[in-house]
């Protein structure tokens, strides 16, 4: 594990290599009758840290491995890595477009919803002002409503995207030639989900505040 970026190393004996090879030949194990582990080489199976799994990091890591005299061959699926990197770039690009659209949509929808609510309760709000209600007391329900709408919008979007992601996984082998789940790729880590919900709440608050500043003076 001396090479930077290494998360774990497992020794694969010749016996284990033969067992794995046999497992791939489900229903055709008889083809290996008489085959001994000696025909297969022992190897080291290396697992990289999550932040070292991009294409450039993998290429640099493999270059360092090949400089070790005791290592005769390095196999890491170069074509698979390239395809996987292209796939991640596409996902990031689409995610940026969708994210930008959702930001604008949330602010627009919340601002207009709050505006309609203010118009529908105009007389009530004027009466509250006449009896001494503070500006922030009047604004608080609208701000809370905006936050809740922002959170609800994000949760709904996450549910829709989760459905799309699961549908993609079902056909991933056909579409891109590999299954992202096998590489440890998750839809969204929990910290990302929490950040999205918090962002939705903030956008809802800002959208609500924008309408309130226009129709209710500070």
Protein backbone atom coordinates (compact mmCIF):
# COMPACT_ATOMS: atom_id res chain seq x y z
CA UNK A 1 0.00 0.00 0.00
CA UNK A 2 3.01 2.30 -0.35
CA UNK A 3 1.66 3.82 -3.56
CA UNK A 4 -0.53 6.84 -2.91
CA UNK A 5 -4.20 6.23 -3.68
CA UNK A 6 -4.24 2.57 -2.63
CA UNK A 7 -7.27 1.60 -0.55
CA UNK A 8 -6.59 -2.12 -0.30
CA UNK A 9 -4.62 -5.01 -1.76
CA UNK A 10 -5.78 -8.64 -1.88
CA UNK A 11 -3.59 -11.59 -2.83
CA UNK A 12 -5.25 -13.94 -5.33
CA UNK A 13 -3.65 -17.36 -5.26
CA UNK A 14 -3.65 -19.71 -8.23
CA UNK A 15 -6.27 -21.85 -6.51
CA UNK A 16 -8.51 -18.81 -5.98
CA UNK A 17 -7.99 -17.73 -9.59
CA UNK A 18 -9.10 -21.17 -10.80
CA UNK A 19 -12.13 -21.07 -8.52
CA UNK A 20 -13.17 -17.67 -9.91
CA UNK A 21 -12.61 -18.82 -13.47
CA UNK A 22 -14.74 -21.88 -12.81
CA UNK A 23 -17.49 -19.69 -11.34
CA UNK A 24 -17.66 -17.75 -14.61
CA UNK A 25 -18.31 -20.96 -16.53
CA UNK A 26 -21.66 -21.66 -14.95
CA UNK A 27 -23.03 -24.88 -16.37
CA UNK A 28 -19.81 -25.52 -18.31
CA UNK A 29 -17.49 -26.43 -15.47
CA UNK A 30 -16.69 -29.71 -17.24
CA UNK A 31 -14.47 -27.73 -19.62
CA UNK A 32 -12.00 -27.40 -16.78
CA UNK A 33 -11.74 -31.12 -16.08
CA UNK A 34 -8.09 -31.98 -15.66
CA UNK A 35 -7.07 -28.33 -15.44
CA UNK A 36 -4.79 -27.55 -12.50
CA UNK A 37 -4.19 -24.19 -10.81
CA UNK A 38 -0.64 -24.17 -12.19
CA UNK A 39 -1.83 -22.82 -15.55
CA UNK A 40 -3.07 -19.60 -13.91
CA UNK A 41 -0.81 -16.95 -12.39
CA UNK A 42 -1.17 -15.64 -8.87
CA UNK A 43 -1.94 -11.94 -8.72
CA UNK A 44 -2.64 -8.91 -6.58
CA UNK A 45 -6.06 -7.30 -6.73
CA UNK A 46 -5.80 -3.59 -5.93
CA UNK A 47 -8.65 -1.36 -4.84
CA UNK A 48 -8.20 2.40 -5.20
CA UNK A 49 -9.46 5.16 -2.96
CA UNK A 50 -12.56 6.94 -4.18
CA UNK A 51 -10.70 10.17 -4.97
CA UNK A 52 -8.15 8.26 -7.08
CA UNK A 53 -10.57 6.60 -9.48
CA UNK A 54 -10.61 9.19 -12.25
CA UNK A 55 -8.92 8.38 -15.55
CA UNK A 56 -5.78 10.48 -14.99
CA UNK A 57 -5.20 9.11 -11.49
CA UNK A 58 -5.63 5.52 -12.67
CA UNK A 59 -3.21 6.03 -15.57
CA UNK A 60 -0.60 7.55 -13.23
CA UNK A 61 -1.12 4.73 -10.73
CA UNK A 62 -0.65 2.06 -13.40
CA UNK A 63 2.53 3.78 -14.61
CA UNK A 64 3.98 3.56 -11.11
CA UNK A 65 3.01 -0.11 -10.87
CA UNK A 66 4.74 -0.95 -14.14
CA UNK A 67 8.00 0.46 -12.80
CA UNK A 68 8.10 -2.23 -10.11
CA UNK A 69 10.42 -5.01 -11.39
CA UNK A 70 8.50 -7.84 -9.69
CA UNK A 71 5.29 -6.98 -11.57
CA UNK A 72 5.17 -8.62 -14.99
CA UNK A 73 1.74 -7.42 -16.17
CA UNK A 74 -0.92 -4.91 -15.15
CA UNK A 75 -4.52 -5.34 -16.25
CA UNK A 76 -7.04 -2.65 -15.39
CA UNK A 77 -9.49 -2.48 -18.28
CA UNK A 78 -8.25 0.67 -19.99
CA UNK A 79 -11.18 0.76 -22.41
CA UNK A 80 -13.63 0.29 -19.55
CA UNK A 81 -12.02 3.13 -17.58
CA UNK A 82 -12.23 5.45 -20.60
CA UNK A 83 -15.88 4.57 -21.16
CA UNK A 84 -16.66 5.01 -17.48
CA UNK A 85 -14.94 8.42 -17.41
CA UNK A 86 -16.91 9.57 -20.46
CA UNK A 87 -20.09 8.38 -18.78
CA UNK A 88 -19.33 10.37 -15.61
CA UNK A 89 -18.58 13.49 -17.67
CA UNK A 90 -21.94 13.14 -19.40
CA UNK A 91 -23.71 12.67 -16.07
CA UNK A 92 -22.04 15.78 -14.63
CA UNK A 93 -22.98 17.86 -17.68
CA UNK A 94 -26.61 16.74 -17.60
CA UNK A 95 -26.70 17.22 -13.84
CA UNK A 96 -25.43 20.80 -14.19
CA UNK A 97 -28.09 21.60 -16.80
CA UNK A 98 -30.88 20.02 -14.79
CA UNK A 99 -29.64 21.63 -11.59
CA UNK A 100 -29.57 25.10 -13.13
CA UNK A 101 -33.05 24.64 -14.53
CA UNK A 102 -34.38 23.44 -11.17
CA UNK A 103 -32.87 26.44 -9.36
CA UNK A 104 -34.64 28.87 -11.68
CA UNK A 105 -37.86 26.85 -11.61
CA UNK A 106 -38.00 26.66 -7.81
CA UNK A 107 -37.43 30.39 -7.35
CA UNK A 108 -39.96 31.28 -10.06
CA UNK A 109 -42.67 28.90 -8.83
CA UNK A 110 -42.29 29.82 -5.17
CA UNK A 111 -42.20 33.56 -5.90
CA UNK A 112 -45.36 33.42 -8.00
CA UNK A 113 -47.18 31.13 -5.56
CA UNK A 114 -46.42 33.49 -2.68
CA UNK A 115 -47.48 36.45 -4.81
CA UNK A 116 -50.86 34.85 -5.52
CA UNK A 117 -51.28 34.01 -1.84
CA UNK A 118 -50.55 37.63 -0.89
CA UNK A 119 -53.15 38.89 -3.37
CA UNK A 120 -55.76 36.46 -2.07
CA UNK A 121 -55.14 37.58 1.53
CA UNK A 122 -54.62 41.26 0.82
CA UNK A 123 -57.50 42.48 2.98
CA UNK A 124 -56.50 40.20 5.84
CA UNK A 125 -52.92 41.41 5.72
CA UNK A 126 -53.99 45.06 5.72
CA UNK A 127 -56.18 44.39 8.75
CA UNK A 128 -53.28 42.71 10.57
CA UNK A 129 -51.16 45.79 9.90
CA UNK A 130 -53.87 48.09 11.24
CA UNK A 131 -54.14 46.18 14.52
CA UNK A 132 -50.40 46.44 15.14
CA UNK A 133 -48.92 43.24 13.72
CA UNK A 134 -45.23 43.65 12.92
CA UNK A 135 -43.92 43.26 9.39
CA UNK A 136 -42.00 40.09 10.26
CA UNK A 137 -45.04 38.61 12.00
CA UNK A 138 -46.95 39.08 8.75
CA UNK A 139 -44.10 37.76 6.62
CA UNK A 140 -43.24 34.69 8.69
CA UNK A 141 -46.05 32.41 7.38
CA UNK A 142 -45.11 33.21 3.77
CA UNK A 143 -41.43 32.56 4.40
CA UNK A 144 -42.23 29.22 6.05
CA UNK A 145 -44.52 28.33 3.15
CA UNK A 146 -41.74 29.15 0.70
CA UNK A 147 -39.26 26.95 2.59
CA UNK A 148 -41.73 24.04 2.65
CA UNK A 149 -42.45 24.42 -1.05
CA UNK A 150 -38.74 24.46 -1.84
CA UNK A 151 -38.13 21.29 0.19
CA UNK A 152 -41.16 19.57 -1.35
CA UNK A 153 -39.93 20.45 -4.84
CA UNK A 154 -36.47 19.02 -4.17
CA UNK A 155 -37.86 15.83 -2.62
CA UNK A 156 -40.16 15.33 -5.60
CA UNK A 157 -37.26 15.90 -8.01
CA UNK A 158 -35.08 13.40 -6.13
CA UNK A 159 -37.83 10.78 -6.30
CA UNK A 160 -38.23 11.32 -10.05
CA UNK A 161 -34.48 11.20 -10.67
CA UNK A 162 -34.18 8.07 -8.53
CA UNK A 163 -36.78 6.40 -10.72
CA UNK A 164 -34.92 7.47 -13.86
CA UNK A 165 -31.63 6.23 -12.40
CA UNK A 166 -33.07 2.83 -11.49
CA UNK A 167 -34.53 2.51 -14.99
CA UNK A 168 -31.11 3.37 -16.42
CA UNK A 169 -29.40 0.74 -14.25
CA UNK A 170 -31.84 -1.85 -15.55
CA UNK A 171 -30.61 -1.18 -19.10
CA UNK A 172 -27.06 0.04 -18.37
CA UNK A 173 -25.33 -2.98 -19.88
CA UNK A 174 -27.10 -2.33 -23.19
CA UNK A 175 -26.73 1.47 -23.19
CA UNK A 176 -23.12 1.92 -22.06
CA UNK A 177 -21.73 -1.59 -21.89
CA UNK A 178 -21.29 -1.80 -18.12
CA UNK A 179 -23.26 -1.53 -14.89
CA UNK A 180 -22.28 1.53 -12.77
CA UNK A 181 -23.36 -0.27 -9.59
CA UNK A 182 -20.53 -2.78 -10.02
CA UNK A 183 -18.01 0.05 -9.74
CA UNK A 184 -19.51 1.35 -6.52
CA UNK A 185 -21.21 4.31 -8.17
CA UNK A 186 -24.14 5.44 -6.06
CA UNK A 187 -27.03 7.62 -7.20
CA UNK A 188 -26.37 10.30 -4.59
CA UNK A 189 -24.57 9.95 -1.24
CA UNK A 190 -26.53 10.96 1.86
CA UNK A 191 -24.52 14.16 2.33
CA UNK A 192 -25.44 15.22 -1.23
CA UNK A 193 -29.11 14.52 -0.59
CA UNK A 194 -28.99 16.56 2.62
CA UNK A 195 -27.29 19.42 0.76
CA UNK A 196 -29.98 19.33 -1.95
CA UNK A 197 -32.78 19.49 0.61
CA UNK A 198 -31.04 22.37 2.40
CA UNK A 199 -30.54 24.11 -0.94
CA UNK A 200 -34.22 23.66 -1.78
CA UNK A 201 -35.18 25.23 1.54
CA UNK A 202 -32.84 28.17 0.88
CA UNK A 203 -34.19 28.70 -2.64
CA UNK A 204 -37.75 28.55 -1.35
CA UNK A 205 -36.88 31.14 1.29
CA UNK A 206 -35.27 33.44 -1.29
CA UNK A 207 -38.17 33.08 -3.70
CA UNK A 208 -40.64 33.90 -0.96
CA UNK A 209 -38.54 36.83 0.24
CA UNK A 210 -38.38 38.24 -3.29
CA UNK A 211 -42.18 38.39 -3.50
CA UNK A 212 -42.54 39.80 0.00
CA UNK A 213 -40.07 42.62 -0.67
CA UNK A 214 -42.09 43.61 -3.71
CA UNK A 215 -45.54 43.54 -2.14
CA UNK A 216 -44.87 44.09 1.57
CA UNK A 217 -42.44 46.84 2.50
CA UNK A 218 -39.83 46.19 5.22
